[in-house]
N, C-alpha and C. Protein backbone atom coordinates (compact mmCIF):
# COMPACT_ATOMS: atom_id res chain seq x y z
N UNK A 1 0.63 10.18 1.89
CA UNK A 1 -0.55 10.31 2.39
C UNK A 1 -0.63 9.14 2.73
N UNK A 2 -0.67 8.50 4.03
CA UNK A 2 -0.92 6.92 4.21
C UNK A 2 -2.48 6.82 4.95
N UNK A 3 -3.35 7.30 4.48
CA UNK A 3 -4.87 7.83 4.92
C UNK A 3 -6.23 7.42 3.62
N UNK A 4 -7.24 6.89 4.01
CA UNK A 4 -8.33 6.31 3.32
C UNK A 4 -8.06 7.60 2.31
N UNK A 5 -8.88 7.09 1.32
CA UNK A 5 -9.17 7.83 -0.07
C UNK A 5 -9.84 8.94 0.39
N UNK A 6 -9.44 10.46 -0.36
CA UNK A 6 -10.42 11.88 -0.31
C UNK A 6 -10.71 11.54 -1.53
N UNK A 7 -12.69 11.94 -1.94
CA UNK A 7 -12.82 12.44 -2.79
C UNK A 7 -13.11 14.13 -2.98
N UNK A 8 -12.51 14.08 -4.06
CA UNK A 8 -12.22 15.47 -4.59
C UNK A 8 -12.50 15.72 -5.52
N UNK A 9 -12.97 17.32 -6.01
CA UNK A 9 -13.68 17.95 -7.28
C UNK A 9 -12.59 18.63 -8.16
N UNK A 10 -12.48 18.39 -8.80
CA UNK A 10 -11.63 19.12 -9.43
C UNK A 10 -12.36 19.97 -11.10
N UNK A 11 -12.27 21.26 -11.25
CA UNK A 11 -13.16 21.57 -12.13
C UNK A 11 -12.56 22.98 -12.86
N UNK A 12 -12.14 22.78 -14.34
CA UNK A 12 -11.49 23.97 -14.80
C UNK A 12 -10.45 23.94 -14.49
N UNK A 13 -9.68 22.46 -14.13
CA UNK A 13 -8.34 22.69 -13.97
C UNK A 13 -7.66 22.10 -14.96
N UNK A 14 -6.18 23.52 -15.43
CA UNK A 14 -5.87 22.79 -16.94
C UNK A 14 -5.29 21.66 -16.74
N UNK A 15 -5.26 20.61 -18.51
CA UNK A 15 -4.77 19.60 -17.69
C UNK A 15 -2.99 18.94 -17.18
N UNK A 16 -2.20 20.02 -17.90
CA UNK A 16 -1.12 19.86 -17.24
C UNK A 16 -0.59 19.88 -16.14
N UNK A 17 -1.57 20.86 -15.22
CA UNK A 17 -1.31 20.77 -13.86
C UNK A 17 -2.21 19.73 -13.34
N UNK A 18 -3.44 19.55 -13.81
CA UNK A 18 -3.83 17.75 -13.36
C UNK A 18 -2.83 16.76 -13.55
N UNK A 19 -2.55 16.88 -14.44
CA UNK A 19 -0.94 15.76 -14.79
C UNK A 19 0.20 15.55 -13.94
N UNK A 20 0.42 17.36 -13.34
CA UNK A 20 1.45 17.04 -12.46
C UNK A 20 1.04 17.10 -11.30
N UNK A 21 0.19 16.93 -10.94
CA UNK A 21 -0.63 17.14 -9.33
C UNK A 21 -0.64 15.11 -9.26
N UNK A 22 -1.19 14.42 -10.34
CA UNK A 22 -1.16 13.00 -10.63
C UNK A 22 0.02 12.43 -10.44
N UNK A 23 1.19 13.28 -10.93
CA UNK A 23 2.62 12.57 -10.48
C UNK A 23 2.64 12.50 -9.11
N UNK A 24 2.11 13.65 -9.07
CA UNK A 24 2.25 13.64 -6.77
C UNK A 24 1.65 12.37 -6.01
N UNK A 25 0.86 12.32 -6.49
CA UNK A 25 -0.20 11.29 -6.08
C UNK A 25 -1.58 11.73 -5.95
N UNK A 26 -1.53 13.11 -6.26
CA UNK A 26 -3.17 13.87 -6.18
C UNK A 26 -4.09 13.60 -7.23
N UNK A 27 -5.26 12.91 -7.53
CA UNK A 27 -5.51 12.57 -8.49
C UNK A 27 -7.00 12.94 -8.42
N UNK A 28 -7.94 13.45 -9.39
CA UNK A 28 -9.40 13.74 -9.57
C UNK A 28 -9.98 13.54 -10.27
N UNK A 29 -11.29 12.99 -10.37
CA UNK A 29 -11.93 13.50 -11.48
C UNK A 29 -12.34 14.59 -12.10
N UNK A 30 -12.42 15.15 -13.33
CA UNK A 30 -13.02 16.03 -13.80
C UNK A 30 -14.89 16.68 -13.88
N UNK A 31 -14.97 16.55 -12.57
CA UNK A 31 -16.19 16.87 -12.33
C UNK A 31 -16.84 17.91 -13.18
N UNK A 32 -18.30 17.99 -13.86
CA UNK A 32 -19.04 19.72 -13.86
C UNK A 32 -19.91 18.77 -13.18
N UNK A 33 -20.63 18.97 -11.77
CA UNK A 33 -21.50 18.67 -11.25
C UNK A 33 -22.39 19.66 -11.01
N UNK A 34 -23.77 19.12 -11.35
CA UNK A 34 -24.81 20.21 -11.32
C UNK A 34 -25.55 19.57 -10.18
N UNK A 35 -27.30 20.60 -10.03
CA UNK A 35 -27.60 20.18 -8.85
C UNK A 35 -27.93 19.34 -8.78
N UNK A 36 -28.66 18.04 -9.65
CA UNK A 36 -29.05 16.83 -9.50
C UNK A 36 -27.88 15.87 -8.91
N UNK A 37 -27.05 16.56 -8.74
CA UNK A 37 -25.53 15.51 -8.14
C UNK A 37 -24.99 15.64 -6.71
N UNK A 38 -26.30 15.88 -6.20
CA UNK A 38 -26.34 16.00 -4.49
C UNK A 38 -25.50 15.02 -3.84
N UNK A 39 -25.52 13.83 -4.12
CA UNK A 39 -25.40 12.98 -3.47
C UNK A 39 -23.95 12.36 -3.55
N UNK A 40 -23.47 12.53 -4.93
CA UNK A 40 -21.51 12.81 -4.80
C UNK A 40 -21.70 13.54 -4.30
N UNK A 41 -21.74 15.39 -4.86
CA UNK A 41 -21.58 16.46 -3.94
C UNK A 41 -21.27 16.54 -2.47
N UNK A 42 -22.52 15.72 -1.62
CA UNK A 42 -22.00 16.02 -0.19
C UNK A 42 -20.66 14.70 0.25
N UNK A 43 -19.94 13.82 -0.66
CA UNK A 43 -19.03 13.29 -0.85
C UNK A 43 -18.28 14.16 -1.21
N UNK A 44 -18.12 15.11 -1.32
CA UNK A 44 -16.43 15.33 -1.98
C UNK A 44 -15.92 16.25 -0.58
N UNK A 45 -15.04 16.43 -0.45
CA UNK A 45 -14.27 16.73 1.00
C UNK A 45 -13.06 17.53 0.71
N UNK A 46 -13.10 18.09 -0.73
CA UNK A 46 -12.17 19.05 -1.12
C UNK A 46 -12.30 19.18 -2.43
N UNK A 47 -12.60 20.82 -2.67
CA UNK A 47 -12.36 21.09 -4.56
C UNK A 47 -11.47 22.12 -4.53
N UNK A 48 -10.89 21.65 -5.76
CA UNK A 48 -9.86 22.57 -6.48
C UNK A 48 -10.12 23.34 -8.26
N UNK A 49 -10.91 24.23 -8.03
CA UNK A 49 -11.28 24.53 -9.27
C UNK A 49 -10.51 25.96 -9.89
N UNK A 50 -10.89 26.09 -11.06
CA UNK A 50 -9.42 26.77 -12.27
C UNK A 50 -10.74 27.72 -12.90
N UNK A 51 -9.81 28.60 -13.65
CA UNK A 51 -11.12 29.74 -13.85
C UNK A 51 -11.81 29.58 -15.04
N UNK A 52 -12.96 29.96 -14.81
CA UNK A 52 -14.23 29.63 -15.39
C UNK A 52 -15.25 30.69 -15.30
N UNK A 53 -15.44 31.40 -16.65
CA UNK A 53 -16.74 32.57 -16.04
C UNK A 53 -18.29 32.55 -15.54
N UNK A 54 -18.48 30.99 -15.68
CA UNK A 54 -19.47 31.12 -15.26
C UNK A 54 -19.69 30.32 -13.53
N UNK A 55 -18.03 30.28 -12.95
CA UNK A 55 -18.31 29.51 -11.56
C UNK A 55 -18.84 29.77 -10.31
N UNK A 56 -19.23 31.12 -10.53
CA UNK A 56 -19.97 31.88 -9.47
C UNK A 56 -21.49 30.78 -9.42
N UNK A 57 -21.62 30.84 -10.50
CA UNK A 57 -23.25 30.03 -10.88
C UNK A 57 -23.33 28.47 -10.05
N UNK A 58 -21.77 28.06 -10.49
CA UNK A 58 -21.66 26.55 -10.49
C UNK A 58 -21.71 26.37 -8.62
N UNK A 59 -20.74 27.38 -8.46
CA UNK A 59 -20.42 27.22 -6.83
C UNK A 59 -21.51 27.47 -6.07
N UNK A 60 -22.94 28.60 -6.66
CA UNK A 60 -24.39 28.52 -5.94
C UNK A 60 -24.70 27.40 -5.68
N UNK A 61 -24.96 26.57 -7.44
CA UNK A 61 -25.37 25.13 -6.90
C UNK A 61 -24.75 24.01 -6.60
N UNK A 62 -23.55 23.61 -6.44
CA UNK A 62 -22.90 22.89 -5.38
C UNK A 62 -23.34 23.41 -4.29
N UNK A 63 -23.06 24.55 -4.04
CA UNK A 63 -23.56 24.85 -1.93
C UNK A 63 -24.87 24.27 -1.95
N UNK A 64 -25.67 24.90 -2.90
CA UNK A 64 -26.94 24.12 -2.48
C UNK A 64 -27.68 23.00 -2.32
N UNK A 65 -26.53 22.30 -3.15
CA UNK A 65 -26.74 20.50 -3.05
C UNK A 65 -25.87 20.11 -2.34
N UNK A 66 -25.44 20.63 -2.09
CA UNK A 66 -24.85 19.73 -0.24
C UNK A 66 -23.16 19.99 -0.35
N UNK A 67 -22.66 20.77 -1.10
CA UNK A 67 -21.15 20.73 -1.18
C UNK A 67 -20.72 21.36 0.48
N UNK A 68 -20.36 21.19 0.98
CA UNK A 68 -19.65 21.43 2.26
C UNK A 68 -18.19 22.11 2.15
N UNK A 69 -17.44 21.19 1.57
CA UNK A 69 -16.19 21.22 1.58
C UNK A 69 -15.21 22.48 1.34
N UNK A 70 -14.09 21.85 1.64
CA UNK A 70 -13.56 23.70 1.24
C UNK A 70 -13.25 23.58 -0.18
N UNK A 71 -13.22 25.38 -0.68
CA UNK A 71 -13.04 25.26 -2.41
C UNK A 71 -11.30 26.33 -2.37
N UNK A 72 -11.02 25.82 -3.41
CA UNK A 72 -9.54 26.39 -3.90
C UNK A 72 -9.35 26.83 -4.81
N UNK A 73 -9.14 27.99 -4.83
CA UNK A 73 -9.66 28.78 -7.04
C UNK A 73 -8.45 29.39 -6.87
N UNK A 74 -7.81 28.74 -8.42
CA UNK A 74 -6.72 29.18 -9.30
C UNK A 74 -7.09 30.28 -9.49
N UNK A 75 -6.49 31.32 -9.04
CA UNK A 75 -6.87 32.89 -10.09
C UNK A 75 -7.69 33.78 -8.87
N UNK A 76 -8.23 34.30 -9.72
CA UNK A 76 -8.47 35.59 -8.71
C UNK A 76 -9.94 36.39 -8.97
N UNK A 77 -10.26 36.90 -8.02
CA UNK A 77 -11.87 37.38 -8.15
C UNK A 77 -12.68 37.04 -7.34
N UNK A 78 -12.47 36.19 -6.60
CA UNK A 78 -13.28 35.18 -5.74
C UNK A 78 -13.44 35.79 -4.42
N UNK A 79 -13.46 37.06 -4.27
CA UNK A 79 -13.31 37.87 -2.76
C UNK A 79 -15.11 37.57 -2.61
N UNK A 80 -16.23 37.64 -3.37
CA UNK A 80 -17.29 37.40 -2.95
C UNK A 80 -17.72 36.33 -3.60
N UNK A 81 -17.05 35.61 -3.80
CA UNK A 81 -17.37 34.02 -4.10
C UNK A 81 -17.61 32.96 -2.61
N UNK A 82 -18.16 31.72 -2.66
CA UNK A 82 -18.17 31.26 -1.46
C UNK A 82 -16.66 29.91 -1.65
N UNK A 83 -15.83 30.77 -1.93
CA UNK A 83 -14.48 30.29 -2.26
C UNK A 83 -13.97 29.99 -0.68
N UNK A 84 -12.73 29.04 -0.31
CA UNK A 84 -12.40 29.06 1.25
C UNK A 84 -10.77 29.45 0.98
N UNK A 85 -10.67 29.51 -0.32
CA UNK A 85 -8.82 29.90 -0.84
C UNK A 85 -9.07 30.20 -1.72
N UNK A 86 -7.75 31.53 -2.47
CA UNK A 86 -7.31 32.19 -3.50
C UNK A 86 -6.17 31.95 -3.84
N UNK A 87 -5.82 31.04 -4.51
CA UNK A 87 -4.34 30.65 -5.13
C UNK A 87 -4.12 31.10 -6.42
N UNK A 88 -3.24 32.43 -6.19
CA UNK A 88 -2.77 33.60 -7.51
C UNK A 88 -2.48 32.81 -8.68
N UNK A 89 -2.48 33.17 -9.53
CA UNK A 89 -1.51 32.51 -11.19
C UNK A 89 -0.64 33.03 -11.62
N UNK A 90 0.26 32.53 -11.73
CA UNK A 90 0.61 31.12 -12.06
C UNK A 90 0.89 30.77 -10.72
N UNK A 91 0.32 29.35 -10.47
CA UNK A 91 1.03 29.08 -9.06
C UNK A 91 1.90 27.83 -9.12
N UNK A 92 3.11 27.97 -8.18
CA UNK A 92 3.86 27.32 -7.67
C UNK A 92 3.48 25.86 -7.83
N UNK A 93 3.83 24.68 -7.93
CA UNK A 93 3.38 23.02 -8.03
C UNK A 93 3.51 22.56 -5.93
N UNK A 94 4.92 23.36 -6.00
CA UNK A 94 5.17 23.25 -4.21
C UNK A 94 4.44 23.77 -3.37
N UNK A 95 3.87 24.98 -3.22
CA UNK A 95 2.92 25.83 -3.42
C UNK A 95 1.26 25.44 -2.89
N UNK A 96 0.70 24.69 -4.19
CA UNK A 96 -0.23 24.05 -4.46
C UNK A 96 -0.58 23.03 -3.23
N UNK A 97 0.60 22.19 -3.64
CA UNK A 97 0.80 20.87 -2.93
C UNK A 97 0.99 21.01 -1.44
N UNK A 98 1.27 22.25 -1.01
CA UNK A 98 1.30 22.35 0.55
C UNK A 98 -0.28 22.83 1.18
N UNK A 99 -1.00 23.25 -0.16
CA UNK A 99 -1.86 23.75 0.49
C UNK A 99 -2.98 22.75 0.71
N UNK A 100 -3.32 21.65 -1.20
CA UNK A 100 -3.72 20.25 -0.76
C UNK A 100 -3.47 19.85 0.40
N UNK A 101 -2.78 19.40 0.52
CA UNK A 101 -2.12 18.17 1.40
C UNK A 101 -3.02 19.08 3.33
N UNK A 102 -2.45 20.12 3.22
CA UNK A 102 -3.22 20.72 4.38
C UNK A 102 -4.99 20.21 4.64
N UNK A 103 -5.47 20.74 3.17
CA UNK A 103 -7.16 20.31 3.48
C UNK A 103 -6.77 19.08 3.12
N UNK A 104 -6.39 18.34 2.71
CA UNK A 104 -6.63 16.75 2.40
C UNK A 104 -6.43 16.43 3.95
N UNK A 105 -5.56 16.92 4.84
CA UNK A 105 -5.24 16.12 6.39
C UNK A 105 -6.12 16.67 6.72
N UNK A 106 -6.94 17.85 6.82
CA UNK A 106 -8.16 18.33 7.53
C UNK A 106 -9.31 17.22 7.61
N UNK A 107 -9.39 16.60 5.91
CA UNK A 107 -10.17 15.67 5.87
C UNK A 107 -10.37 14.42 6.07
N UNK A 108 -8.90 14.20 6.32
CA UNK A 108 -8.93 12.80 6.94
C UNK A 108 -8.56 12.66 8.63
N UNK A 109 -9.13 14.02 9.30
CA UNK A 109 -9.68 13.78 10.49
C UNK A 109 -7.90 13.82 10.88
N UNK A 110 -7.01 14.40 10.56
CA UNK A 110 -5.29 14.58 11.62
C UNK A 110 -5.68 15.97 12.16
N UNK A 111 -6.67 17.27 11.92
CA UNK A 111 -6.90 18.24 12.40
C UNK A 111 -6.06 18.91 12.34
N UNK A 112 -4.61 19.37 11.01
CA UNK A 112 -4.23 20.15 10.94
C UNK A 112 -2.90 19.27 9.72
N UNK A 113 -2.07 20.11 9.38
CA UNK A 113 -0.71 19.38 8.66
C UNK A 113 0.37 19.27 9.05
N UNK A 114 0.92 18.82 9.77
CA UNK A 114 2.24 18.18 10.40
C UNK A 114 3.39 18.07 9.24
N UNK A 115 4.50 19.28 9.15
CA UNK A 115 5.15 19.07 8.18
C UNK A 115 6.80 18.89 8.70
N UNK A 116 7.55 18.07 8.70
CA UNK A 116 8.98 17.78 9.48
C UNK A 116 10.01 18.00 8.20
N UNK A 117 11.08 19.23 9.32
CA UNK A 117 11.73 19.43 8.49
C UNK A 117 12.95 19.17 9.54
N UNK A 118 13.61 17.96 9.22
CA UNK A 118 14.86 18.41 9.73
C UNK A 118 14.25 17.22 11.45
N UNK A 119 14.69 17.74 12.61
CA UNK A 119 14.21 18.07 13.62
C UNK A 119 12.94 18.87 14.21
N UNK A 120 12.94 19.31 13.66
CA UNK A 120 11.56 20.81 14.04
C UNK A 120 10.52 19.74 12.64
N UNK A 121 9.07 20.69 13.33
CA UNK A 121 7.52 20.26 13.47
C UNK A 121 7.23 21.61 12.80
N UNK A 122 6.54 21.73 12.03
CA UNK A 122 5.47 22.46 11.86
C UNK A 122 4.51 22.21 11.89
N UNK A 123 3.33 22.68 12.31
CA UNK A 123 1.81 22.39 12.36
C UNK A 123 1.31 23.65 11.79
N UNK A 124 0.96 23.37 10.68
CA UNK A 124 0.29 24.15 10.31
C UNK A 124 -1.15 24.90 10.69
N UNK A 125 -2.29 23.70 11.07
CA UNK A 125 -3.45 24.08 11.76
C UNK A 125 -3.06 25.11 13.07
N UNK A 126 -2.01 24.65 13.81
CA UNK A 126 -1.93 25.09 14.68
C UNK A 126 -1.41 27.12 15.01
N UNK A 127 -0.46 26.56 13.23
CA UNK A 127 0.68 27.74 13.58
C UNK A 127 1.81 27.62 14.33
N UNK A 128 2.33 26.39 14.43
CA UNK A 128 3.22 26.37 15.78
C UNK A 128 4.49 25.78 14.94
N UNK A 129 5.73 26.48 15.36
CA UNK A 129 6.90 25.64 15.36
C UNK A 129 7.54 24.99 16.29
N UNK A 130 7.80 24.23 15.80
CA UNK A 130 8.44 23.02 17.37
C UNK A 130 9.88 22.51 17.21
N UNK A 131 10.41 22.41 18.65
CA UNK A 131 12.36 21.53 17.82
C UNK A 131 12.16 20.81 19.60
N UNK A 132 11.79 19.66 19.88
CA UNK A 132 11.50 19.05 20.69
C UNK A 132 10.45 19.10 21.94
N UNK A 133 10.64 19.73 22.69
CA UNK A 133 9.81 20.06 23.54
C UNK A 133 9.49 21.74 23.23
N UNK A 134 10.10 22.77 22.80
CA UNK A 134 9.81 23.92 22.54
C UNK A 134 9.25 24.50 21.55
N UNK A 135 8.49 25.52 21.42
CA UNK A 135 7.56 25.82 20.50
C UNK A 135 7.44 27.53 20.42
N UNK A 136 6.80 27.82 19.30
CA UNK A 136 7.03 29.08 19.31
C UNK A 136 5.83 28.97 18.15
N UNK A 137 4.83 30.38 18.50
CA UNK A 137 3.66 30.57 17.52
C UNK A 137 4.18 31.62 16.28
N UNK A 138 3.46 31.35 15.15
CA UNK A 138 3.62 31.88 14.36
C UNK A 138 2.50 32.67 13.62
N UNK A 139 2.92 33.60 13.41
CA UNK A 139 1.85 34.77 12.57
C UNK A 139 0.89 33.44 11.09
N UNK A 140 -0.07 33.73 10.15
CA UNK A 140 -0.48 33.53 9.47
C UNK A 140 0.45 33.56 8.12
N UNK A 141 1.58 34.38 7.96
CA UNK A 141 2.09 34.64 6.67
C UNK A 141 3.64 33.91 7.08
N UNK A 142 3.80 34.22 8.60
CA UNK A 142 5.20 32.85 8.87
C UNK A 142 5.44 31.90 8.34
N UNK A 143 3.49 31.05 8.65
CA UNK A 143 3.37 29.75 8.83
C UNK A 143 3.43 29.63 7.18
N UNK A 144 2.35 30.09 6.46
CA UNK A 144 2.77 29.49 5.24
C UNK A 144 4.32 30.35 4.59
N UNK A 145 4.89 30.79 4.99
CA UNK A 145 6.48 31.04 4.38
C UNK A 145 6.99 30.21 4.82
N UNK A 146 6.86 29.44 5.84
CA UNK A 146 7.70 28.29 6.56
C UNK A 146 7.49 26.81 5.24
N UNK A 147 5.82 26.60 5.98
CA UNK A 147 5.36 25.59 4.48
C UNK A 147 5.88 25.60 3.28
N UNK A 148 6.00 26.58 2.87
CA UNK A 148 6.24 27.09 1.29
C UNK A 148 7.66 26.22 1.25
N UNK A 149 8.71 26.87 2.51
CA UNK A 149 10.27 26.46 2.29
C UNK A 149 10.31 25.30 2.67
N UNK A 150 9.84 24.67 3.85
CA UNK A 150 9.83 23.08 4.19
C UNK A 150 9.32 22.24 3.41
N UNK A 151 8.17 22.45 2.42
CA UNK A 151 7.48 21.60 1.68
C UNK A 151 8.35 21.06 0.15
N UNK A 152 9.10 22.48 -0.17
CA UNK A 152 9.67 22.59 -1.85
C UNK A 152 10.73 21.79 -1.15
N UNK A 153 11.69 22.31 -0.23
CA UNK A 153 13.04 21.80 0.08
C UNK A 153 13.77 23.16 -0.89
N UNK A 154 13.26 23.50 -1.51
CA UNK A 154 14.02 24.36 -2.78
C UNK A 154 14.24 25.91 -2.50
N UNK A 155 15.00 26.75 -2.60
CA UNK A 155 15.20 27.73 -2.25
C UNK A 155 14.09 28.31 -2.77
N UNK A 156 13.79 29.97 -2.60
CA UNK A 156 12.84 30.85 -2.88
C UNK A 156 13.03 32.11 -2.90
N UNK A 157 12.95 32.57 -4.13
CA UNK A 157 13.19 33.90 -4.46
C UNK A 157 12.23 35.07 -3.91
N UNK A 158 12.06 36.47 -3.75
CA UNK A 158 11.78 37.04 -2.96
C UNK A 158 10.71 37.57 -3.89
N UNK A 159 10.88 37.27 -5.35
CA UNK A 159 9.72 37.93 -5.50
C UNK A 159 8.84 36.40 -6.17
N UNK A 160 8.70 35.25 -6.03
CA UNK A 160 8.00 34.10 -6.16
C UNK A 160 7.46 34.34 -4.48
N UNK A 161 8.12 34.57 -3.45
CA UNK A 161 7.31 34.19 -1.98
C UNK A 161 6.39 35.50 -1.98
N UNK A 162 6.46 36.40 -2.77
CA UNK A 162 5.87 37.43 -2.44
C UNK A 162 4.54 37.19 -3.28
N UNK A 163 4.62 36.71 -5.03
CA UNK A 163 3.66 36.35 -5.31
C UNK A 163 2.43 35.39 -5.12
N UNK A 164 3.43 34.31 -4.08
CA UNK A 164 2.57 33.02 -3.82
C UNK A 164 2.23 33.31 -1.95
N UNK A 165 2.53 34.21 -1.22
CA UNK A 165 1.99 34.20 0.07
C UNK A 165 1.05 35.83 0.05
N UNK A 166 1.39 37.07 -0.48
CA UNK A 166 0.64 38.07 -1.02
C UNK A 166 0.05 38.47 -2.02
N UNK A 167 0.59 37.35 -3.11
CA UNK A 167 -0.33 38.04 -4.21
C UNK A 167 0.30 39.13 -4.90
N UNK A 168 1.59 39.65 -4.55
CA UNK A 168 2.06 40.90 -5.02
C UNK A 168 0.74 42.00 -5.14
N UNK A 169 0.47 42.08 -3.93
CA UNK A 169 -0.84 43.21 -3.17
C UNK A 169 0.47 44.44 -3.36
N UNK A 170 -0.38 45.48 -4.29
CA UNK A 170 0.22 46.79 -4.29
C UNK A 170 0.55 47.72 -2.99
N UNK A 171 -0.62 47.54 -1.77
CA UNK A 171 -0.68 47.87 -0.19
C UNK A 171 0.80 47.64 0.70
N UNK A 172 1.11 46.23 0.18
CA UNK A 172 2.45 46.14 1.00
C UNK A 172 3.40 46.78 0.82
N UNK A 173 4.17 46.74 2.02
CA UNK A 173 5.34 47.69 2.41
C UNK A 173 6.33 47.14 1.48
N UNK A 174 7.58 47.77 0.80
CA UNK A 174 8.49 46.52 0.21
C UNK A 174 9.31 46.06 1.18
N UNK A 175 9.53 46.76 2.24
CA UNK A 175 10.50 45.51 3.67
C UNK A 175 9.79 44.70 3.82
N UNK A 176 8.26 44.36 3.93
CA UNK A 176 7.20 43.05 4.69
C UNK A 176 8.25 42.02 4.64
N UNK A 177 8.37 41.47 3.78
CA UNK A 177 9.04 40.29 3.66
C UNK A 177 10.27 40.08 4.07
N UNK A 178 11.36 41.13 4.15
CA UNK A 178 12.06 40.82 5.19
C UNK A 178 12.06 40.89 6.51
N UNK A 179 11.18 41.45 6.76
CA UNK A 179 11.05 41.86 8.31
C UNK A 179 10.21 40.24 8.91
N UNK A 180 9.45 39.64 7.82
CA UNK A 180 8.74 38.43 8.41
C UNK A 180 10.00 36.96 8.44
N UNK A 181 10.84 37.50 7.69
CA UNK A 181 12.04 36.47 7.57
C UNK A 181 13.06 36.37 8.59
N UNK A 182 12.73 37.98 9.22
CA UNK A 182 13.48 38.48 10.35
C UNK A 182 13.28 37.72 11.76
N UNK A 183 11.58 37.56 11.86
CA UNK A 183 11.01 37.08 12.71
C UNK A 183 11.06 35.65 12.79
N UNK A 184 11.24 35.33 11.69
CA UNK A 184 11.64 33.85 12.11
C UNK A 184 12.81 33.24 11.95
N UNK A 185 13.66 34.04 11.46
CA UNK A 185 14.94 33.30 12.61
C UNK A 185 15.09 33.70 13.38
N UNK A 186 14.52 34.45 14.41
CA UNK A 186 14.86 34.97 15.72
C UNK A 186 13.79 33.97 16.22
N UNK A 187 12.72 33.68 16.00
CA UNK A 187 12.42 32.39 16.20
C UNK A 187 12.99 30.86 16.38
N UNK A 188 13.53 30.65 14.91
CA UNK A 188 14.31 29.59 14.73
C UNK A 188 15.32 29.27 16.19
N UNK A 189 16.07 30.78 16.26
CA UNK A 189 17.18 30.71 17.23
C UNK A 189 16.70 30.60 18.53
N UNK A 190 15.91 31.58 18.91
CA UNK A 190 15.31 30.98 20.13
C UNK A 190 14.94 29.50 20.43
N UNK A 191 14.57 28.65 19.34
CA UNK A 191 14.25 27.21 19.66
C UNK A 191 15.51 26.44 19.81
N UNK A 192 16.20 26.62 18.91
CA UNK A 192 17.36 25.90 19.37
C UNK A 192 17.55 25.12 17.80
N UNK A 193 18.28 24.30 17.98
CA UNK A 193 18.27 22.84 16.91
C UNK A 193 19.28 23.78 15.94
N UNK A 194 19.74 24.51 15.57
CA UNK A 194 20.72 24.67 14.60
C UNK A 194 19.26 25.38 13.31
N UNK A 195 18.52 25.14 13.08
CA UNK A 195 17.94 25.45 12.26
C UNK A 195 17.52 27.07 11.57
N UNK A 196 17.58 27.43 10.64
CA UNK A 196 17.73 28.37 10.19
C UNK A 196 17.47 29.18 8.66
N UNK A 197 16.60 30.16 8.16
CA UNK A 197 16.45 30.76 6.93
C UNK A 197 18.28 31.03 6.43
N UNK A 198 18.01 30.46 5.36
CA UNK A 198 19.54 31.05 4.86
C UNK A 198 19.09 31.87 3.77
N UNK A 199 19.94 32.81 3.11
CA UNK A 199 19.61 33.59 1.92
C UNK A 199 20.99 33.10 0.82
N UNK A 200 20.63 31.99 0.26
CA UNK A 200 21.30 31.52 -1.36
C UNK A 200 20.86 32.58 -2.38
N UNK A 201 22.33 32.37 -3.26
CA UNK A 201 22.05 33.03 -4.39
C UNK A 201 21.01 33.12 -5.82
N UNK A 202 19.56 31.42 -5.28
CA UNK A 202 18.67 31.48 -5.70
C UNK A 202 17.43 31.90 -5.07
N UNK A 203 17.79 32.33 -3.61
CA UNK A 203 16.65 32.92 -2.52
C UNK A 203 16.47 32.51 -1.15
N UNK A 204 15.48 32.18 -0.48
CA UNK A 204 15.90 31.86 0.73
C UNK A 204 15.38 30.02 0.71
N UNK A 205 16.05 29.92 1.23
CA UNK A 205 15.92 28.09 2.04
C UNK A 205 16.37 27.90 3.57
N UNK A 206 15.45 27.07 3.66
CA UNK A 206 15.84 26.07 5.22
C UNK A 206 17.05 25.67 5.32
N UNK A 207 17.78 25.57 6.53
CA UNK A 207 18.95 24.98 6.41
C UNK A 207 19.04 23.95 7.87
N UNK A 208 19.49 23.20 7.90
CA UNK A 208 20.08 22.48 9.45
C UNK A 208 21.12 22.51 9.50
N UNK A 209 21.51 22.66 11.24
CA UNK A 209 23.35 22.56 11.27
C UNK A 209 23.48 21.55 11.49
């Protein structure tokens, strides 16, 4: 990310995860910000918060003090809080990096996250899959699947994809993932370029002919 530095807020993020993110070039201080820190809060462009029993109180104070940045919650139970996105735990590093880079790209004025895979391009903000001048529109879930596969470059098992994309929602149909993979394969075929999602013993993986 060759862009100006982004001011991030890390709160209650486990130390091993902070270390892993730092190794990937994503680092931030462990702020515990209260209402009196309004000047710092207004400069924050992205917040990553971990499990904390009094997190709702922190969030309310931060918002009142001027925090307007996206807030990503590691864990569950934030549906009624002022969080932008919830990432169920345990979270894979590749999945977390994908989401962080997406929001960082927005903070840096790029208007979206562009991930290149071979000669293909994935526009996360517009949910568009491109090959040359050809485009295919993706749904939210399709875009999330493509970003995970492209960002990691590694196979993802069915269980891992269900956990990261749907959070093991008990209401989803057992064939939901397979249906999304089928539709993505069809869109890739219509784009041309030899791109595909292949099934390996370890799971689903992107492939270029």
